[in-house]
PDB file of all heavy atoms in Angstrom:
ATOM      1  N   ALA A   1      -8.892   7.937 -10.204  1.00  0.00           N
ATOM      2  CA  ALA A   1      -7.654   8.655 -10.501  1.00  0.00           C
ATOM      3  C   ALA A   1      -7.018   8.135 -11.778  1.00  0.00           C
ATOM      4  O   ALA A   1      -6.496   8.911 -12.591  1.00  0.00           O
ATOM      5  CB  ALA A   1      -6.688   8.524  -9.330  1.00  0.00           C
ATOM      6  N   LEU A   2      -7.075   6.828 -11.985  1.00  0.00           N
ATOM      7  CA  LEU A   2      -6.504   6.243 -13.191  1.00  0.00           C
ATOM      8  C   LEU A   2      -7.267   6.698 -14.426  1.00  0.00           C
ATOM      9  O   LEU A   2      -6.675   7.043 -15.455  1.00  0.00           O
ATOM     10  CB  LEU A   2      -6.529   4.722 -13.078  1.00  0.00           C
ATOM     11  CG  LEU A   2      -5.865   3.938 -14.207  1.00  0.00           C
ATOM     12  CD1 LEU A   2      -4.398   4.322 -14.357  1.00  0.00           C
ATOM     13  CD2 LEU A   2      -5.992   2.437 -13.951  1.00  0.00           C
ATOM     14  N   ALA A   3      -8.598   6.719 -14.319  1.00  0.00           N
ATOM     15  CA  ALA A   3      -9.402   7.181 -15.453  1.00  0.00           C
ATOM     16  C   ALA A   3      -9.123   8.643 -15.768  1.00  0.00           C
ATOM     17  O   ALA A   3      -9.013   9.032 -16.941  1.00  0.00           O
ATOM     18  CB  ALA A   3     -10.883   6.973 -15.151  1.00  0.00           C
ATOM     19  N   ALA A   4      -8.985   9.467 -14.717  1.00  0.00           N
ATOM     20  CA  ALA A   4      -8.718  10.887 -14.935  1.00  0.00           C
ATOM     21  C   ALA A   4      -7.365  11.104 -15.599  1.00  0.00           C
ATOM     22  O   ALA A   4      -7.208  11.965 -16.464  1.00  0.00           O
ATOM     23  CB  ALA A   4      -8.773  11.632 -13.601  1.00  0.00           C
ATOM     24  N   ARG A   5      -6.371  10.319 -15.194  1.00  0.00           N
ATOM     25  CA  ARG A   5      -5.024  10.507 -15.746  1.00  0.00           C
ATOM     26  C   ARG A   5      -4.914   9.988 -17.166  1.00  0.00           C
ATOM     27  O   ARG A   5      -4.293  10.621 -18.022  1.00  0.00           O
ATOM     28  CB  ARG A   5      -3.993   9.806 -14.861  1.00  0.00           C
ATOM     29  CG  ARG A   5      -2.570   9.885 -15.422  1.00  0.00           C
ATOM     30  CD  ARG A   5      -1.552   9.255 -14.504  1.00  0.00           C
ATOM     31  NE  ARG A   5      -1.362  10.047 -13.299  1.00  0.00           N
ATOM     32  CZ  ARG A   5      -0.476   9.751 -12.349  1.00  0.00           C
ATOM     33  NH1 ARG A   5       0.282   8.675 -12.483  1.00  0.00           N
ATOM     34  NH2 ARG A   5      -0.364  10.512 -11.292  1.00  0.00           N
ATOM     35  N   THR A   6      -5.502   8.831 -17.446  1.00  0.00           N
ATOM     36  CA  THR A   6      -5.316   8.197 -18.748  1.00  0.00           C
ATOM     37  C   THR A   6      -6.394   8.556 -19.755  1.00  0.00           C
ATOM     38  O   THR A   6      -6.207   8.367 -20.961  1.00  0.00           O
ATOM     39  CB  THR A   6      -5.298   6.673 -18.592  1.00  0.00           C
ATOM     40  OG1 THR A   6      -6.576   6.228 -18.115  1.00  0.00           O
ATOM     41  CG2 THR A   6      -4.206   6.240 -17.632  1.00  0.00           C
ATOM     42  N   GLY A   7      -7.527   9.044 -19.247  1.00  0.00           N
ATOM     43  CA  GLY A   7      -8.637   9.311 -20.145  1.00  0.00           C
ATOM     44  C   GLY A   7      -9.366   8.059 -20.575  1.00  0.00           C
ATOM     45  O   GLY A   7     -10.272   8.119 -21.413  1.00  0.00           O
ATOM     46  N   GLU A   8      -8.995   6.897 -20.003  1.00  0.00           N
ATOM     47  CA  GLU A   8      -9.645   5.640 -20.349  1.00  0.00           C
ATOM     48  C   GLU A   8     -10.794   5.349 -19.385  1.00  0.00           C
ATOM     49  O   GLU A   8     -10.793   5.817 -18.246  1.00  0.00           O
ATOM     50  CB  GLU A   8      -8.641   4.476 -20.280  1.00  0.00           C
ATOM     51  CG  GLU A   8      -7.477   4.613 -21.243  1.00  0.00           C
ATOM     52  CD  GLU A   8      -6.482   3.474 -21.083  1.00  0.00           C
ATOM     53  OE1 GLU A   8      -6.792   2.527 -20.330  1.00  0.00           O
ATOM     54  OE2 GLU A   8      -5.405   3.538 -21.695  1.00  0.00           O
ATOM     55  N   ASN A   9     -11.744   4.580 -19.841  1.00  0.00           N
ATOM     56  CA  ASN A   9     -12.839   4.127 -18.989  1.00  0.00           C
ATOM     57  C   ASN A   9     -12.367   2.878 -18.231  1.00  0.00           C
ATOM     58  O   ASN A   9     -12.238   1.804 -18.802  1.00  0.00           O
ATOM     59  CB  ASN A   9     -14.075   3.798 -19.826  1.00  0.00           C
ATOM     60  CG  ASN A   9     -15.210   3.251 -18.978  1.00  0.00           C
ATOM     61  OD1 ASN A   9     -15.253   3.497 -17.768  1.00  0.00           O
ATOM     62  ND2 ASN A   9     -16.112   2.529 -19.611  1.00  0.00           N
ATOM     63  N   VAL A  10     -12.066   3.040 -16.954  1.00  0.00           N
ATOM     64  CA  VAL A  10     -11.567   1.919 -16.147  1.00  0.00           C
ATOM     65  C   VAL A  10     -12.774   1.189 -15.579  1.00  0.00           C
ATOM     66  O   VAL A  10     -13.365   1.615 -14.584  1.00  0.00           O
ATOM     67  CB  VAL A  10     -10.633   2.418 -15.035  1.00  0.00           C
ATOM     68  CG1 VAL A  10     -10.043   1.227 -14.285  1.00  0.00           C
ATOM     69  CG2 VAL A  10      -9.531   3.279 -15.614  1.00  0.00           C
ATOM     70  N   ARG A  11     -13.142   0.100 -16.204  1.00  0.00           N
ATOM     71  CA  ARG A  11     -14.366  -0.601 -15.829  1.00  0.00           C
ATOM     72  C   ARG A  11     -14.239  -1.304 -14.478  1.00  0.00           C
ATOM     73  O   ARG A  11     -13.151  -1.678 -14.059  1.00  0.00           O
ATOM     74  CB  ARG A  11     -14.715  -1.637 -16.900  1.00  0.00           C
ATOM     75  CG  ARG A  11     -15.162  -1.027 -18.218  1.00  0.00           C
ATOM     76  CD  ARG A  11     -15.376  -2.085 -19.255  1.00  0.00           C
ATOM     77  NE  ARG A  11     -14.134  -2.789 -19.568  1.00  0.00           N
ATOM     78  CZ  ARG A  11     -13.957  -3.556 -20.644  1.00  0.00           C
ATOM     79  NH1 ARG A  11     -14.957  -3.708 -21.495  1.00  0.00           N
ATOM     80  NH2 ARG A  11     -12.817  -4.154 -20.868  1.00  0.00           N
ATOM     81  N   THR A  12     -15.383  -1.472 -13.841  1.00  0.00           N
ATOM     82  CA  THR A  12     -15.475  -2.277 -12.630  1.00  0.00           C
ATOM     83  C   THR A  12     -16.399  -3.444 -12.950  1.00  0.00           C
ATOM     84  O   THR A  12     -17.627  -3.306 -12.905  1.00  0.00           O
ATOM     85  CB  THR A  12     -16.030  -1.466 -11.452  1.00  0.00           C
ATOM     86  OG1 THR A  12     -15.193  -0.330 -11.225  1.00  0.00           O
ATOM     87  CG2 THR A  12     -16.084  -2.316 -10.187  1.00  0.00           C
ATOM     88  N   PRO A  13     -15.843  -4.601 -13.291  1.00  0.00           N
ATOM     89  CA  PRO A  13     -16.695  -5.734 -13.670  1.00  0.00           C
ATOM     90  C   PRO A  13     -17.589  -6.171 -12.513  1.00  0.00           C
ATOM     91  O   PRO A  13     -17.231  -6.011 -11.339  1.00  0.00           O
ATOM     92  CB  PRO A  13     -15.682  -6.833 -14.023  1.00  0.00           C
ATOM     93  CG  PRO A  13     -14.384  -6.134 -14.243  1.00  0.00           C
ATOM     94  CD  PRO A  13     -14.420  -4.927 -13.365  1.00  0.00           C
ATOM     95  N   PRO A  14     -18.738  -6.736 -12.802  1.00  0.00           N
ATOM     96  CA  PRO A  14     -19.593  -7.272 -11.728  1.00  0.00           C
ATOM     97  C   PRO A  14     -18.938  -8.479 -11.073  1.00  0.00           C
ATOM     98  O   PRO A  14     -18.167  -9.211 -11.712  1.00  0.00           O
ATOM     99  CB  PRO A  14     -20.868  -7.679 -12.475  1.00  0.00           C
ATOM    100  CG  PRO A  14     -20.414  -7.961 -13.875  1.00  0.00           C
ATOM    101  CD  PRO A  14     -19.306  -6.982 -14.150  1.00  0.00           C
ATOM    102  N   VAL A  15     -19.228  -8.679  -9.800  1.00  0.00           N
ATOM    103  CA  VAL A  15     -18.663  -9.827  -9.093  1.00  0.00           C
ATOM    104  C   VAL A  15     -19.289 -11.115  -9.626  1.00  0.00           C
ATOM    105  O   VAL A  15     -20.502 -11.306  -9.564  1.00  0.00           O
ATOM    106  CB  VAL A  15     -18.904  -9.716  -7.571  1.00  0.00           C
ATOM    107  CG1 VAL A  15     -18.472 -11.019  -6.877  1.00  0.00           C
ATOM    108  CG2 VAL A  15     -18.160  -8.532  -6.997  1.00  0.00           C
ATOM    109  N   ARG A  16     -18.431 -11.979 -10.150  1.00  0.00           N
ATOM    110  CA  ARG A  16     -18.876 -13.313 -10.544  1.00  0.00           C
ATOM    111  C   ARG A  16     -17.996 -14.399  -9.930  1.00  0.00           C
ATOM    112  O   ARG A  16     -18.300 -15.579 -10.022  1.00  0.00           O
ATOM    113  CB  ARG A  16     -18.881 -13.452 -12.068  1.00  0.00           C
ATOM    114  CG  ARG A  16     -19.871 -12.498 -12.760  1.00  0.00           C
ATOM    115  CD  ARG A  16     -20.313 -13.043 -14.090  1.00  0.00           C
ATOM    116  NE  ARG A  16     -21.027 -14.290 -13.946  1.00  0.00           N
ATOM    117  CZ  ARG A  16     -21.134 -15.203 -14.921  1.00  0.00           C
ATOM    118  NH1 ARG A  16     -20.561 -14.988 -16.085  1.00  0.00           N
ATOM    119  NH2 ARG A  16     -21.799 -16.320 -14.711  1.00  0.00           N
ATOM    120  N   ILE A  17     -16.887 -13.955  -9.318  1.00  0.00           N
ATOM    121  CA  ILE A  17     -15.954 -14.875  -8.673  1.00  0.00           C
ATOM    122  C   ILE A  17     -15.761 -14.430  -7.225  1.00  0.00           C
ATOM    123  O   ILE A  17     -15.525 -13.244  -6.966  1.00  0.00           O
ATOM    124  CB  ILE A  17     -14.586 -14.889  -9.383  1.00  0.00           C
ATOM    125  CG1 ILE A  17     -14.729 -15.290 -10.853  1.00  0.00           C
ATOM    126  CG2 ILE A  17     -13.606 -15.826  -8.670  1.00  0.00           C
ATOM    127  CD1 ILE A  17     -13.451 -15.130 -11.663  1.00  0.00           C
ATOM    128  N   ILE A  18     -15.851 -15.358  -6.299  1.00  0.00           N
ATOM    129  CA  ILE A  18     -15.469 -15.115  -4.910  1.00  0.00           C
ATOM    130  C   ILE A  18     -14.134 -15.802  -4.679  1.00  0.00           C
ATOM    131  O   ILE A  18     -13.924 -16.937  -5.124  1.00  0.00           O
ATOM    132  CB  ILE A  18     -16.518 -15.680  -3.931  1.00  0.00           C
ATOM    133  CG1 ILE A  18     -17.850 -14.949  -4.089  1.00  0.00           C
ATOM    134  CG2 ILE A  18     -16.028 -15.597  -2.490  1.00  0.00           C
ATOM    135  CD1 ILE A  18     -18.983 -15.588  -3.299  1.00  0.00           C
ATOM    136  N   HIS A  19     -13.240 -15.113  -4.007  1.00  0.00           N
ATOM    137  CA  HIS A  19     -11.976 -15.745  -3.643  1.00  0.00           C
ATOM    138  C   HIS A  19     -11.798 -15.709  -2.133  1.00  0.00           C
ATOM    139  O   HIS A  19     -12.034 -14.682  -1.498  1.00  0.00           O
ATOM    140  CB  HIS A  19     -10.779 -15.052  -4.307  1.00  0.00           C
ATOM    141  CG  HIS A  19      -9.482 -15.739  -3.982  1.00  0.00           C
ATOM    142  ND1 HIS A  19      -9.089 -16.896  -4.613  1.00  0.00           N
ATOM    143  CD2 HIS A  19      -8.530 -15.466  -3.051  1.00  0.00           C
ATOM    144  CE1 HIS A  19      -7.943 -17.298  -4.095  1.00  0.00           C
ATOM    145  NE2 HIS A  19      -7.585 -16.454  -3.143  1.00  0.00           N
ATOM    146  N   LEU A  20     -11.362 -16.823  -1.567  1.00  0.00           N
ATOM    147  CA  LEU A  20     -11.018 -16.892  -0.145  1.00  0.00           C
ATOM    148  C   LEU A  20      -9.507 -17.011  -0.021  1.00  0.00           C
ATOM    149  O   LEU A  20      -8.908 -17.941  -0.584  1.00  0.00           O
ATOM    150  CB  LEU A  20     -11.698 -18.083   0.524  1.00  0.00           C
ATOM    151  CG  LEU A  20     -13.228 -18.052   0.603  1.00  0.00           C
ATOM    152  CD1 LEU A  20     -13.738 -19.274   1.359  1.00  0.00           C
ATOM    153  CD2 LEU A  20     -13.722 -16.780   1.263  1.00  0.00           C
ATOM    154  N   GLY A  21      -8.901 -16.087   0.726  1.00  0.00           N
ATOM    155  CA  GLY A  21      -7.454 -16.110   0.922  1.00  0.00           C
ATOM    156  C   GLY A  21      -6.751 -15.023   0.134  1.00  0.00           C
ATOM    157  O   GLY A  21      -5.805 -15.301  -0.611  1.00  0.00           O
ATOM    158  N   LEU A  22      -7.204 -13.787   0.292  1.00  0.00           N
ATOM    159  CA  LEU A  22      -6.612 -12.662  -0.437  1.00  0.00           C
ATOM    160  C   LEU A  22      -5.179 -12.448   0.037  1.00  0.00           C
ATOM    161  O   LEU A  22      -4.938 -12.041   1.164  1.00  0.00           O
ATOM    162  CB  LEU A  22      -7.446 -11.397  -0.206  1.00  0.00           C
ATOM    163  CG  LEU A  22      -6.864 -10.081  -0.751  1.00  0.00           C
ATOM    164  CD1 LEU A  22      -6.587 -10.187  -2.240  1.00  0.00           C
ATOM    165  CD2 LEU A  22      -7.829  -8.932  -0.453  1.00  0.00           C
ATOM    166  N   GLY A  23      -4.250 -12.740  -0.827  1.00  0.00           N
ATOM    167  CA  GLY A  23      -2.840 -12.575  -0.522  1.00  0.00           C
ATOM    168  C   GLY A  23      -2.055 -12.380  -1.798  1.00  0.00           C
ATOM    169  O   GLY A  23      -2.618 -12.250  -2.889  1.00  0.00           O
ATOM    170  N   ALA A  24      -0.735 -12.369  -1.667  1.00  0.00           N
ATOM    171  CA  ALA A  24       0.113 -12.083  -2.818  1.00  0.00           C
ATOM    172  C   ALA A  24      -0.026 -13.154  -3.898  1.00  0.00           C
ATOM    173  O   ALA A  24      -0.062 -12.833  -5.097  1.00  0.00           O
ATOM    174  CB  ALA A  24       1.565 -11.946  -2.371  1.00  0.00           C
ATOM    175  N   PHE A  25      -0.091 -14.436  -3.508  1.00  0.00           N
ATOM    176  CA  PHE A  25      -0.139 -15.471  -4.539  1.00  0.00           C
ATOM    177  C   PHE A  25      -1.409 -15.373  -5.377  1.00  0.00           C
ATOM    178  O   PHE A  25      -1.359 -15.494  -6.605  1.00  0.00           O
ATOM    179  CB  PHE A  25      -0.022 -16.877  -3.937  1.00  0.00           C
ATOM    180  CG  PHE A  25      -0.038 -17.931  -5.011  1.00  0.00           C
ATOM    181  CD1 PHE A  25       1.084 -18.157  -5.786  1.00  0.00           C
ATOM    182  CD2 PHE A  25      -1.188 -18.647  -5.292  1.00  0.00           C
ATOM    183  CE1 PHE A  25       1.061 -19.090  -6.820  1.00  0.00           C
ATOM    184  CE2 PHE A  25      -1.223 -19.576  -6.309  1.00  0.00           C
ATOM    185  CZ  PHE A  25      -0.085 -19.804  -7.076  1.00  0.00           C
ATOM    186  N   HIS A  26      -2.539 -15.170  -4.734  1.00  0.00           N
ATOM    187  CA  HIS A  26      -3.783 -15.018  -5.506  1.00  0.00           C
ATOM    188  C   HIS A  26      -3.654 -13.889  -6.516  1.00  0.00           C
ATOM    189  O   HIS A  26      -4.073 -14.013  -7.672  1.00  0.00           O
ATOM    190  CB  HIS A  26      -4.959 -14.755  -4.568  1.00  0.00           C
ATOM    191  CG  HIS A  26      -6.197 -14.269  -5.276  1.00  0.00           C
ATOM    192  ND1 HIS A  26      -6.855 -15.027  -6.214  1.00  0.00           N
ATOM    193  CD2 HIS A  26      -6.865 -13.082  -5.197  1.00  0.00           C
ATOM    194  CE1 HIS A  26      -7.894 -14.352  -6.677  1.00  0.00           C
ATOM    195  NE2 HIS A  26      -7.917 -13.174  -6.084  1.00  0.00           N
ATOM    196  N   ARG A  27      -3.068 -12.784  -6.092  1.00  0.00           N
ATOM    197  CA  ARG A  27      -2.960 -11.629  -6.999  1.00  0.00           C
ATOM    198  C   ARG A  27      -1.948 -11.863  -8.118  1.00  0.00           C
ATOM    199  O   ARG A  27      -2.090 -11.301  -9.201  1.00  0.00           O
ATOM    200  CB  ARG A  27      -2.603 -10.379  -6.195  1.00  0.00           C
ATOM    201  CG  ARG A  27      -3.807  -9.860  -5.403  1.00  0.00           C
ATOM    202  CD  ARG A  27      -3.456  -8.651  -4.576  1.00  0.00           C
ATOM    203  NE  ARG A  27      -2.800  -9.012  -3.330  1.00  0.00           N
ATOM    204  CZ  ARG A  27      -1.938  -8.239  -2.681  1.00  0.00           C
ATOM    205  NH1 ARG A  27      -1.581  -7.070  -3.191  1.00  0.00           N
ATOM    206  NH2 ARG A  27      -1.416  -8.635  -1.541  1.00  0.00           N
ATOM    207  N   ALA A  28      -0.947 -12.710  -7.858  1.00  0.00           N
ATOM    208  CA  ALA A  28       0.023 -13.024  -8.910  1.00  0.00           C
ATOM    209  C   ALA A  28      -0.475 -14.123  -9.840  1.00  0.00           C
ATOM    210  O   ALA A  28       0.058 -14.287 -10.943  1.00  0.00           O
ATOM    211  CB  ALA A  28       1.343 -13.461  -8.285  1.00  0.00           C
ATOM    212  N   HIS A  29      -1.494 -14.857  -9.409  1.00  0.00           N
ATOM    213  CA  HIS A  29      -1.906 -16.039 -10.172  1.00  0.00           C
ATOM    214  C   HIS A  29      -3.343 -15.926 -10.670  1.00  0.00           C
ATOM    215  O   HIS A  29      -3.587 -15.430 -11.778  1.00  0.00           O
ATOM    216  CB  HIS A  29      -1.700 -17.296  -9.322  1.00  0.00           C
ATOM    217  CG  HIS A  29      -1.651 -18.546 -10.131  1.00  0.00           C
ATOM    218  ND1 HIS A  29      -2.771 -19.287 -10.412  1.00  0.00           N
ATOM    219  CD2 HIS A  29      -0.620 -19.200 -10.713  1.00  0.00           C
ATOM    220  CE1 HIS A  29      -2.437 -20.339 -11.147  1.00  0.00           C
ATOM    221  NE2 HIS A  29      -1.141 -20.320 -11.345  1.00  0.00           N
ATOM    222  N   GLN A  30      -4.335 -16.358  -9.871  1.00  0.00           N
ATOM    223  CA  GLN A  30      -5.706 -16.414 -10.397  1.00  0.00           C
ATOM    224  C   GLN A  30      -6.228 -15.046 -10.813  1.00  0.00           C
ATOM    225  O   GLN A  30      -6.887 -14.912 -11.855  1.00  0.00           O
ATOM    226  CB  GLN A  30      -6.653 -17.032  -9.354  1.00  0.00           C
ATOM    227  CG  GLN A  30      -6.289 -18.430  -8.929  1.00  0.00           C
ATOM    228  CD  GLN A  30      -5.346 -18.429  -7.748  1.00  0.00           C
ATOM    229  OE1 GLN A  30      -5.346 -17.531  -6.910  1.00  0.00           O
ATOM    230  NE2 GLN A  30      -4.512 -19.455  -7.668  1.00  0.00           N
ATOM    231  N   ALA A  31      -5.943 -14.001 -10.017  1.00  0.00           N
ATOM    232  CA  ALA A  31      -6.414 -12.656 -10.389  1.00  0.00           C
ATOM    233  C   ALA A  31      -5.728 -12.176 -11.653  1.00  0.00           C
ATOM    234  O   ALA A  31      -6.349 -11.512 -12.499  1.00  0.00           O
ATOM    235  CB  ALA A  31      -6.181 -11.683  -9.237  1.00  0.00           C
ATOM    236  N   TRP A  32      -4.445 -12.496 -11.803  1.00  0.00           N
ATOM    237  CA  TRP A  32      -3.718 -12.106 -13.021  1.00  0.00           C
ATOM    238  C   TRP A  32      -4.305 -12.820 -14.237  1.00  0.00           C
ATOM    239  O   TRP A  32      -4.541 -12.194 -15.278  1.00  0.00           O
ATOM    240  CB  TRP A  32      -2.235 -12.446 -12.877  1.00  0.00           C
ATOM    241  CG  TRP A  32      -1.442 -12.118 -14.112  1.00  0.00           C
ATOM    242  CD1 TRP A  32      -0.857 -10.922 -14.417  1.00  0.00           C
ATOM    243  CD2 TRP A  32      -1.176 -12.984 -15.225  1.00  0.00           C
ATOM    244  NE1 TRP A  32      -0.233 -11.002 -15.651  1.00  0.00           N
ATOM    245  CE2 TRP A  32      -0.418 -12.258 -16.163  1.00  0.00           C
ATOM    246  CE3 TRP A  32      -1.504 -14.311 -15.513  1.00  0.00           C
ATOM    247  CZ2 TRP A  32       0.025 -12.803 -17.365  1.00  0.00           C
ATOM    248  CZ3 TRP A  32      -1.066 -14.861 -16.720  1.00  0.00           C
ATOM    249  CH2 TRP A  32      -0.310 -14.107 -17.626  1.00  0.00           C
ATOM    250  N   TYR A  33      -4.517 -14.137 -14.146  1.00  0.00           N
ATOM    251  CA  TYR A  33      -5.096 -14.875 -15.274  1.00  0.00           C
ATOM    252  C   TYR A  33      -6.446 -14.287 -15.672  1.00  0.00           C
ATOM    253  O   TYR A  33      -6.743 -14.114 -16.870  1.00  0.00           O
ATOM    254  CB  TYR A  33      -5.267 -16.355 -14.907  1.00  0.00           C
ATOM    255  CG  TYR A  33      -4.049 -17.213 -15.141  1.00  0.00           C
ATOM    256  CD1 TYR A  33      -3.120 -17.433 -14.131  1.00  0.00           C
ATOM    257  CD2 TYR A  33      -3.825 -17.819 -16.371  1.00  0.00           C
ATOM    258  CE1 TYR A  33      -2.004 -18.239 -14.336  1.00  0.00           C
ATOM    259  CE2 TYR A  33      -2.717 -18.623 -16.596  1.00  0.00           C
ATOM    260  CZ  TYR A  33      -1.805 -18.823 -15.572  1.00  0.00           C
ATOM    261  OH  TYR A  33      -0.702 -19.623 -15.786  1.00  0.00           O
ATOM    262  N   THR A  34      -7.288 -13.983 -14.684  1.00  0.00           N
ATOM    263  CA  THR A  34      -8.609 -13.430 -14.982  1.00  0.00           C
ATOM    264  C   THR A  34      -8.480 -12.073 -15.646  1.00  0.00           C
ATOM    265  O   THR A  34      -9.169 -11.774 -16.636  1.00  0.00           O
ATOM    266  CB  THR A  34      -9.437 -13.325 -13.695  1.00  0.00           C
ATOM    267  OG1 THR A  34      -9.573 -14.630 -13.113  1.00  0.00           O
ATOM    268  CG2 THR A  34     -10.821 -12.758 -13.966  1.00  0.00           C
ATOM    269  N   ASP A  35      -7.588 -11.249 -15.146  1.00  0.00           N
ATOM    270  CA  ASP A  35      -7.360  -9.920 -15.710  1.00  0.00           C
ATOM    271  C   ASP A  35      -6.928  -9.994 -17.176  1.00  0.00           C
ATOM    272  O   ASP A  35      -7.341  -9.170 -17.996  1.00  0.00           O
ATOM    273  CB  ASP A  35      -6.285  -9.208 -14.880  1.00  0.00           C
ATOM    274  CG  ASP A  35      -6.045  -7.789 -15.318  1.00  0.00           C
ATOM    275  OD1 ASP A  35      -6.938  -6.946 -15.094  1.00  0.00           O
ATOM    276  OD2 ASP A  35      -4.976  -7.509 -15.885  1.00  0.00           O
ATOM    277  N   GLN A  36      -6.121 -10.995 -17.498  1.00  0.00           N
ATOM    278  CA  GLN A  36      -5.584 -11.117 -18.848  1.00  0.00           C
ATOM    279  C   GLN A  36      -6.650 -11.430 -19.893  1.00  0.00           C
ATOM    280  O   GLN A  36      -6.493 -11.075 -21.063  1.00  0.00           O
ATOM    281  CB  GLN A  36      -4.508 -12.213 -18.885  1.00  0.00           C
ATOM    282  CG  GLN A  36      -3.235 -11.861 -18.145  1.00  0.00           C
ATOM    283  CD  GLN A  36      -2.491 -10.708 -18.782  1.00  0.00           C
ATOM    284  OE1 GLN A  36      -2.072 -10.774 -19.930  1.00  0.00           O
ATOM    285  NE2 GLN A  36      -2.343  -9.623 -18.029  1.00  0.00           N
ATOM    286  N   VAL A  37      -7.730 -12.093 -19.485  1.00  0.00           N
ATOM    287  CA  VAL A  37      -8.685 -12.598 -20.477  1.00  0.00           C
ATOM    288  C   VAL A  37     -10.045 -11.924 -20.422  1.00  0.00           C
ATOM    289  O   VAL A  37     -10.900 -12.187 -21.275  1.00  0.00           O
ATOM    290  CB  VAL A  37      -8.864 -14.127 -20.319  1.00  0.00           C
ATOM    291  CG1 VAL A  37      -7.521 -14.827 -20.422  1.00  0.00           C
ATOM    292  CG2 VAL A  37      -9.559 -14.488 -19.010  1.00  0.00           C
ATOM    293  N   ASP A  38     -10.256 -11.028 -19.451  1.00  0.00           N
ATOM    294  CA  ASP A  38     -11.587 -10.439 -19.271  1.00  0.00           C
ATOM    295  C   ASP A  38     -11.741  -9.162 -20.093  1.00  0.00           C
ATOM    296  O   ASP A  38     -11.939  -8.065 -19.568  1.00  0.00           O
ATOM    297  CB  ASP A  38     -11.831 -10.158 -17.787  1.00  0.00           C
ATOM    298  CG  ASP A  38     -13.285  -9.817 -17.494  1.00  0.00           C
ATOM    299  OD1 ASP A  38     -14.153 -10.175 -18.316  1.00  0.00           O
ATOM    300  OD2 ASP A  38     -13.552  -9.205 -16.442  1.00  0.00           O
ATOM    301  N   ASP A  39     -11.678  -9.309 -21.405  1.00  0.00           N
ATOM    302  CA  ASP A  39     -11.719  -8.150 -22.297  1.00  0.00           C
ATOM    303  C   ASP A  39     -13.018  -7.373 -22.185  1.00  0.00           C
ATOM    304  O   ASP A  39     -13.033  -6.150 -22.368  1.00  0.00           O
ATOM    305  CB  ASP A  39     -11.529  -8.605 -23.755  1.00  0.00           C
ATOM    306  CG  ASP A  39     -10.183  -9.257 -23.995  1.00  0.00           C
ATOM    307  OD1 ASP A  39      -9.258  -9.008 -23.189  1.00  0.00           O
ATOM    308  OD2 ASP A  39     -10.053 -10.025 -24.968  1.00  0.00           O
ATOM    309  N   ASN A  40     -14.096  -8.053 -21.883  1.00  0.00           N
ATOM    310  CA  ASN A  40     -15.409  -7.408 -21.853  1.00  0.00           C
ATOM    311  C   ASN A  40     -15.855  -6.988 -20.457  1.00  0.00           C
ATOM    312  O   ASN A  40     -16.992  -6.536 -20.280  1.00  0.00           O
ATOM    313  CB  ASN A  40     -16.459  -8.331 -22.477  1.00  0.00           C
ATOM    314  CG  ASN A  40     -16.173  -8.620 -23.932  1.00  0.00           C
ATOM    315  OD1 ASN A  40     -15.742  -7.734 -24.676  1.00  0.00           O
ATOM    316  ND2 ASN A  40     -16.386  -9.861 -24.348  1.00  0.00           N
TER     317      ASN A  40
END
């Protein structure tokens, strides 16, 4: 839906990181840091 609306290619990177404990803090911290730097 995001790709259709924006016209951008919304990539799905391959899994290279496993995280245990999916919760709000992980998404505000480690997932955010990874998102910020994973340009490729």
